[in-house]
Amino acid sequence: MISNGLEYAFFVKNGSTVNSVISIGCGNISEKSLKHFLENCEPMLKTAVEGNCGNFGNVESFHSFAPLMEEQEHIKEKLLRGAEELFFKYGVRSVSMDDIARHLSVSKKTLYQYFADKDEIVTQVALAHLTMIKSRFDGIAIGAKNALDELMRINTCMSKVMQGMNATLLFDLRKYHSKAWEQWTEHRTKHIRESVVRNIKQGIGEGLFRSNLNPEILAAIRIETIQMLFDTQLFPADTYNLIDVHAQALDHFMYGLLTDKGRKLYEKYKQEPVNLELIPYQL
């Protein structure tokens, strides 16, 4: 990794005269990403100058470069969203750079101006998606009335994510995209595990879950159960619906936790539609 604070200077020339110097601070970025940026920065800067993006050639007007950077970031986010749509629908392995370019109506050259290769796209899509999921689940935890209410709202979110989701997605990450798989593994073993442990402890304190439970063990079981849902050998896509499989797995898990009080409340919640307005950042 490149250490914090490292800077690279680029000189924009008009003929033989240097008109301005652009100093770009590079934080924690990989050698691969930095190399790709250095190889592609020239056409980006050329676009800024030829497009008359502010008084770009004047050092005193350096701030005029900001709109270009914002536009570049907006385009990058759009490319990632388009790639995510394809990955979720078809899986990762079957989607090529040509497919992504065609889906977004851009050239492959445009894709390579922002990403070194498909693996970088997959990695950044995974990071953005997991960050979004964590933010939404954290918001649900804050607004939930109790531990059961939290689980029901999270279940609604998960069902929305699973709608139209290709079951081979995690398999593809594990086999072909190690960096993205590491991100999922960290999210699963850290954020999800901590969330499940906290929720079970909360439910015990509220009298909804049995007092003799071991939250750490049950959190591990829940995590592995979620992982198992995406095993296409156990649950072939042409035989099982992913949402239905998840609903059965959740029921199996929940009834092992609940006290009589919790069971009655769980049955009540199952009969009531979840108020989507209470789920932050709708999917």
Protein backbone atom coordinates (compact mmCIF):
# COMPACT_ATOMS: atom_id res chain seq x y z
CA MET A 1 0.00 0.00 0.00
CA ILE A 2 1.02 3.60 -0.58
CA SER A 3 1.46 5.42 2.71
CA ASN A 4 -0.65 8.45 3.65
CA GLY A 5 0.53 11.87 2.58
CA LEU A 6 2.38 10.86 -0.59
CA GLU A 7 1.87 13.43 -3.36
CA TYR A 8 2.31 13.40 -7.11
CA ALA A 9 2.67 16.58 -9.16
CA PHE A 10 1.37 16.86 -12.71
CA PHE A 11 2.33 19.71 -15.02
CA VAL A 12 -0.16 21.02 -17.55
CA LYS A 13 1.75 22.52 -20.47
CA ASN A 14 0.77 25.03 -23.11
CA GLY A 15 3.45 24.50 -25.71
CA SER A 16 6.70 24.62 -23.76
CA THR A 17 5.35 26.73 -20.90
CA VAL A 18 4.16 25.20 -17.65
CA ASN A 19 0.92 26.98 -16.79
CA SER A 20 -0.11 25.20 -13.63
CA VAL A 21 0.88 22.50 -11.22
CA ILE A 22 -1.60 20.03 -9.84
CA SER A 23 -0.60 18.30 -6.64
CA ILE A 24 -2.70 15.25 -5.90
CA GLY A 25 -2.48 13.64 -2.48
CA CYS A 26 -2.66 9.87 -2.55
CA GLY A 27 -3.99 8.21 0.60
CA ASN A 28 -4.24 4.48 1.17
CA ILE A 29 -4.42 3.27 -2.42
CA SER A 30 -2.85 0.19 -3.92
CA GLU A 31 0.16 0.18 -6.20
CA LYS A 32 -2.08 -1.29 -8.90
CA SER A 33 -4.68 1.47 -8.62
CA LEU A 34 -2.02 4.20 -8.53
CA LYS A 35 -0.31 2.81 -11.63
CA HIS A 36 -3.64 2.72 -13.43
CA PHE A 37 -4.40 6.33 -12.45
CA LEU A 38 -1.00 7.56 -13.59
CA GLU A 39 -1.49 5.86 -16.96
CA ASN A 40 -4.93 7.43 -17.46
CA CYS A 41 -4.62 10.86 -15.84
CA GLU A 42 -3.31 12.57 -18.99
CA PRO A 43 -6.54 12.24 -21.02
CA MET A 44 -8.55 13.31 -17.95
CA LEU A 45 -6.46 16.48 -17.56
CA LYS A 46 -6.60 17.08 -21.30
CA THR A 47 -10.38 16.90 -21.13
CA ALA A 48 -10.36 19.51 -18.38
CA VAL A 49 -8.25 21.91 -20.41
CA GLU A 50 -9.94 21.41 -23.79
CA GLY A 51 -13.38 21.47 -22.18
CA ASN A 52 -12.55 24.86 -20.64
CA CYS A 53 -13.43 23.54 -17.17
CA GLY A 54 -12.96 26.86 -15.46
CA ASN A 55 -9.72 28.82 -15.74
CA PHE A 56 -7.74 25.60 -15.46
CA GLY A 57 -4.46 27.09 -16.66
CA ASN A 58 -4.32 29.64 -13.88
CA VAL A 59 -2.75 28.57 -10.59
CA GLU A 60 -4.92 31.09 -8.76
CA SER A 61 -8.02 29.38 -10.13
CA PHE A 62 -7.04 25.83 -9.23
CA HIS A 63 -10.37 25.34 -7.44
CA SER A 64 -12.00 25.28 -10.90
CA PHE A 65 -10.67 21.70 -11.27
CA ALA A 66 -13.08 20.51 -8.53
CA PRO A 67 -16.17 20.23 -10.80
CA LEU A 68 -14.27 17.88 -13.10
CA MET A 69 -13.25 15.66 -10.20
CA GLU A 70 -16.86 15.57 -8.98
CA GLU A 71 -18.03 14.63 -12.46
CA GLN A 72 -15.42 11.87 -12.69
CA GLU A 73 -16.55 10.49 -9.33
CA HIS A 74 -20.20 10.60 -10.44
CA ILE A 75 -19.36 8.67 -13.61
CA LYS A 76 -17.40 6.10 -11.61
CA GLU A 77 -20.33 5.56 -9.24
CA LYS A 78 -22.66 5.11 -12.22
CA LEU A 79 -20.32 2.50 -13.71
CA LEU A 80 -20.19 0.62 -10.41
CA ARG A 81 -23.99 0.62 -10.06
CA GLY A 82 -24.38 -0.74 -13.56
CA ALA A 83 -21.83 -3.47 -12.94
CA GLU A 84 -23.54 -4.37 -9.66
CA GLU A 85 -26.87 -4.81 -11.47
CA LEU A 86 -25.30 -7.31 -13.85
CA PHE A 87 -23.38 -9.19 -11.15
CA PHE A 88 -26.50 -9.62 -9.03
CA LYS A 89 -28.58 -10.80 -11.96
CA TYR A 90 -26.13 -13.08 -13.76
CA GLY A 91 -23.36 -13.78 -11.27
CA VAL A 92 -19.84 -12.41 -11.53
CA ARG A 93 -18.06 -14.96 -13.69
CA SER A 94 -20.48 -14.77 -16.61
CA VAL A 95 -20.29 -10.96 -16.87
CA SER A 96 -17.47 -9.56 -19.00
CA MET A 97 -16.10 -6.05 -19.43
CA ASP A 98 -17.87 -6.03 -22.81
CA ASP A 99 -21.17 -6.84 -21.06
CA ILE A 100 -20.70 -4.00 -18.58
CA ALA A 101 -19.81 -1.52 -21.32
CA ARG A 102 -22.80 -2.60 -23.41
CA HIS A 103 -25.17 -2.42 -20.42
CA LEU A 104 -24.04 1.13 -19.62
CA SER A 105 -23.77 2.25 -23.25
CA VAL A 106 -20.12 3.22 -22.85
CA SER A 107 -16.94 2.04 -24.50
CA LYS A 108 -14.51 -0.42 -22.93
CA LYS A 109 -11.94 2.36 -23.12
CA THR A 110 -14.11 4.38 -20.73
CA LEU A 111 -14.21 1.48 -18.27
CA TYR A 112 -10.44 1.14 -18.37
CA GLN A 113 -10.01 4.84 -17.68
CA TYR A 114 -11.59 4.24 -14.26
CA PHE A 115 -10.67 0.64 -13.45
CA ALA A 116 -7.57 -1.39 -14.13
CA ASP A 117 -9.53 -4.58 -14.83
CA LYS A 118 -12.69 -6.51 -14.00
CA ASP A 119 -11.27 -7.66 -10.66
CA GLU A 120 -10.99 -4.05 -9.51
CA ILE A 121 -14.62 -3.42 -10.52
CA VAL A 122 -15.76 -6.50 -8.60
CA THR A 123 -13.75 -5.46 -5.54
CA GLN A 124 -15.12 -1.91 -5.52
CA VAL A 125 -18.70 -3.09 -6.12
CA ALA A 126 -18.39 -5.49 -3.18
CA LEU A 127 -16.96 -2.80 -0.89
CA ALA A 128 -19.68 -0.28 -1.78
CA HIS A 129 -22.46 -2.84 -1.34
CA LEU A 130 -21.21 -4.11 2.02
CA THR A 131 -20.73 -0.54 3.29
CA MET A 132 -24.31 0.26 2.29
CA ILE A 133 -25.68 -2.90 3.95
CA LYS A 134 -23.83 -2.20 7.21
CA SER A 135 -25.14 1.38 7.28
CA ARG A 136 -28.72 0.25 6.77
CA PHE A 137 -28.57 -2.54 9.33
CA ASP A 138 -27.02 -0.18 11.87
CA GLY A 139 -29.89 2.22 11.24
CA ILE A 140 -32.43 -0.54 11.78
CA ALA A 141 -30.81 -1.49 15.10
CA ILE A 142 -31.05 2.10 16.33
CA GLY A 143 -34.72 2.48 15.40
CA ALA A 144 -36.03 -0.99 16.35
CA LYS A 145 -38.47 -1.38 19.26
CA ASN A 146 -36.85 -4.59 20.50
CA ALA A 147 -34.57 -7.43 19.37
CA LEU A 148 -37.36 -9.24 17.50
CA ASP A 149 -38.47 -6.09 15.74
CA GLU A 150 -34.89 -5.56 14.58
CA LEU A 151 -34.64 -9.10 13.18
CA MET A 152 -37.93 -8.79 11.31
CA ARG A 153 -36.83 -5.55 9.66
CA ILE A 154 -33.44 -6.97 8.76
CA ASN A 155 -35.21 -9.99 7.28
CA THR A 156 -37.27 -7.64 5.09
CA CYS A 157 -34.10 -5.95 3.86
CA MET A 158 -32.41 -9.27 3.16
CA SER A 159 -35.44 -10.48 1.20
CA LYS A 160 -35.28 -7.35 -0.95
CA VAL A 161 -31.59 -7.89 -1.61
CA MET A 162 -32.21 -11.54 -2.53
CA GLN A 163 -34.94 -10.72 -5.04
CA GLY A 164 -33.42 -11.45 -8.41
CA MET A 165 -30.03 -12.22 -6.86
CA ASN A 166 -28.02 -14.92 -8.60
CA ALA A 167 -27.21 -17.68 -6.11
CA THR A 168 -23.76 -18.21 -7.68
CA LEU A 169 -22.60 -14.74 -6.65
CA LEU A 170 -20.70 -15.75 -3.50
CA PHE A 171 -19.26 -18.85 -5.18
CA ASP A 172 -17.90 -16.67 -7.98
CA LEU A 173 -16.30 -14.28 -5.50
CA ARG A 174 -14.68 -17.08 -3.52
CA LYS A 175 -13.26 -18.83 -6.57
CA TYR A 176 -12.31 -15.97 -8.90
CA HIS A 177 -12.03 -12.71 -6.92
CA SER A 178 -10.06 -13.16 -3.72
CA LYS A 179 -10.02 -9.48 -2.68
CA ALA A 180 -13.79 -9.17 -2.88
CA TRP A 181 -14.16 -12.48 -1.06
CA GLU A 182 -11.89 -11.23 1.73
CA GLN A 183 -14.14 -8.18 2.09
CA TRP A 184 -17.23 -10.38 2.38
CA THR A 185 -15.45 -12.66 4.87
CA GLU A 186 -14.45 -9.69 7.04
CA HIS A 187 -17.99 -8.31 6.91
CA ARG A 188 -19.44 -11.70 7.80
CA THR A 189 -17.07 -12.59 10.62
CA LYS A 190 -16.87 -9.11 12.15
CA HIS A 191 -19.91 -6.92 11.47
CA ILE A 192 -22.57 -9.60 11.10
CA ARG A 193 -21.23 -11.63 13.99
CA GLU A 194 -21.06 -8.63 16.32
CA SER A 195 -24.59 -7.63 15.31
CA VAL A 196 -26.04 -11.09 15.94
CA VAL A 197 -24.28 -11.43 19.32
CA ARG A 198 -25.55 -8.02 20.42
CA ASN A 199 -29.08 -8.80 19.24
CA ILE A 200 -29.23 -12.12 21.10
CA LYS A 201 -27.96 -10.53 24.31
CA GLN A 202 -30.56 -7.79 23.92
CA GLY A 203 -33.31 -10.36 23.36
CA ILE A 204 -32.29 -12.26 26.47
CA GLY A 205 -32.41 -9.06 28.49
CA GLU A 206 -35.89 -8.30 27.14
CA GLY A 207 -37.15 -11.75 28.07
CA LEU A 208 -37.78 -12.64 24.41
CA PHE A 209 -34.92 -15.14 24.07
CA ARG A 210 -34.04 -17.99 26.43
CA SER A 211 -31.59 -17.09 29.18
CA ASN A 212 -29.43 -20.22 28.77
CA LEU A 213 -28.29 -19.35 25.23
CA ASN A 214 -24.67 -18.86 24.23
CA PRO A 215 -24.72 -15.80 21.91
CA GLU A 216 -21.26 -16.46 20.45
CA ILE A 217 -22.07 -20.03 19.40
CA LEU A 218 -25.47 -19.12 17.98
CA ALA A 219 -24.00 -16.18 16.07
CA ALA A 220 -21.54 -18.55 14.38
CA ILE A 221 -24.37 -20.94 13.50
CA ARG A 222 -26.47 -18.11 12.05
CA ILE A 223 -23.59 -16.82 9.93
CA GLU A 224 -22.81 -20.26 8.50
CA THR A 225 -26.50 -20.83 7.81
CA ILE A 226 -26.65 -17.63 5.75
CA GLN A 227 -23.57 -18.77 3.84
CA MET A 228 -25.16 -22.16 3.23
CA LEU A 229 -28.19 -20.60 1.54
CA PHE A 230 -26.04 -19.74 -1.46
CA ASP A 231 -24.74 -23.29 -1.94
CA THR A 232 -26.25 -24.23 -5.30
CA GLN A 233 -25.43 -27.89 -4.75
CA LEU A 234 -27.62 -27.95 -1.64
CA PHE A 235 -30.27 -25.62 -3.05
CA PRO A 236 -30.25 -25.68 -6.87
CA ALA A 237 -31.74 -22.49 -8.33
CA ASP A 238 -34.08 -24.45 -10.60
CA THR A 239 -35.60 -26.21 -7.57
CA TYR A 240 -35.50 -23.70 -4.70
CA ASN A 241 -36.31 -20.03 -4.35
CA LEU A 242 -33.60 -18.23 -2.38
CA ILE A 243 -36.09 -16.11 -0.43
CA ASP A 244 -38.14 -19.17 0.56
CA VAL A 245 -35.02 -21.00 1.70
CA HIS A 246 -34.00 -18.02 3.80
CA ALA A 247 -37.48 -17.77 5.37
CA GLN A 248 -37.36 -21.43 6.41
CA ALA A 249 -33.84 -21.06 7.80
CA LEU A 250 -34.86 -17.96 9.78
CA ASP A 251 -37.88 -19.73 11.28
CA HIS A 252 -35.70 -22.68 12.29
CA PHE A 253 -33.20 -20.35 13.95
CA MET A 254 -35.78 -18.14 15.67
CA TYR A 255 -37.85 -20.90 17.27
CA GLY A 256 -34.71 -22.21 18.92
CA LEU A 257 -34.18 -18.84 20.61
CA LEU A 258 -37.63 -17.79 21.77
CA THR A 259 -39.28 -17.88 25.15
CA ASP A 260 -43.08 -18.22 25.31
CA LYS A 261 -43.29 -14.42 25.41
CA GLY A 262 -40.97 -14.13 22.44
CA ARG A 263 -42.82 -16.81 20.47
CA LYS A 264 -46.14 -15.00 20.81
CA LEU A 265 -44.59 -11.71 19.70
CA TYR A 266 -42.79 -13.41 16.80
CA GLU A 267 -46.04 -14.97 15.55
CA LYS A 268 -47.70 -11.57 15.81
CA TYR A 269 -44.93 -9.87 13.86
CA LYS A 270 -45.10 -12.52 11.14
CA GLN A 271 -48.76 -11.70 10.56
CA GLU A 272 -48.13 -7.96 10.35
CA PRO A 273 -46.58 -6.23 7.34
CA VAL A 274 -43.33 -4.49 8.22
CA ASN A 275 -43.62 -0.70 8.20
CA LEU A 276 -41.08 0.08 5.48
CA GLU A 277 -40.96 3.73 6.55
CA LEU A 278 -39.10 2.61 9.67
CA ILE A 279 -36.38 0.95 7.60
CA PRO A 280 -33.75 3.61 6.80
CA TYR A 281 -32.25 4.04 3.34
CA GLN A 282 -34.70 1.92 1.37
CA LEU A 283 -33.24 -0.62 -1.00
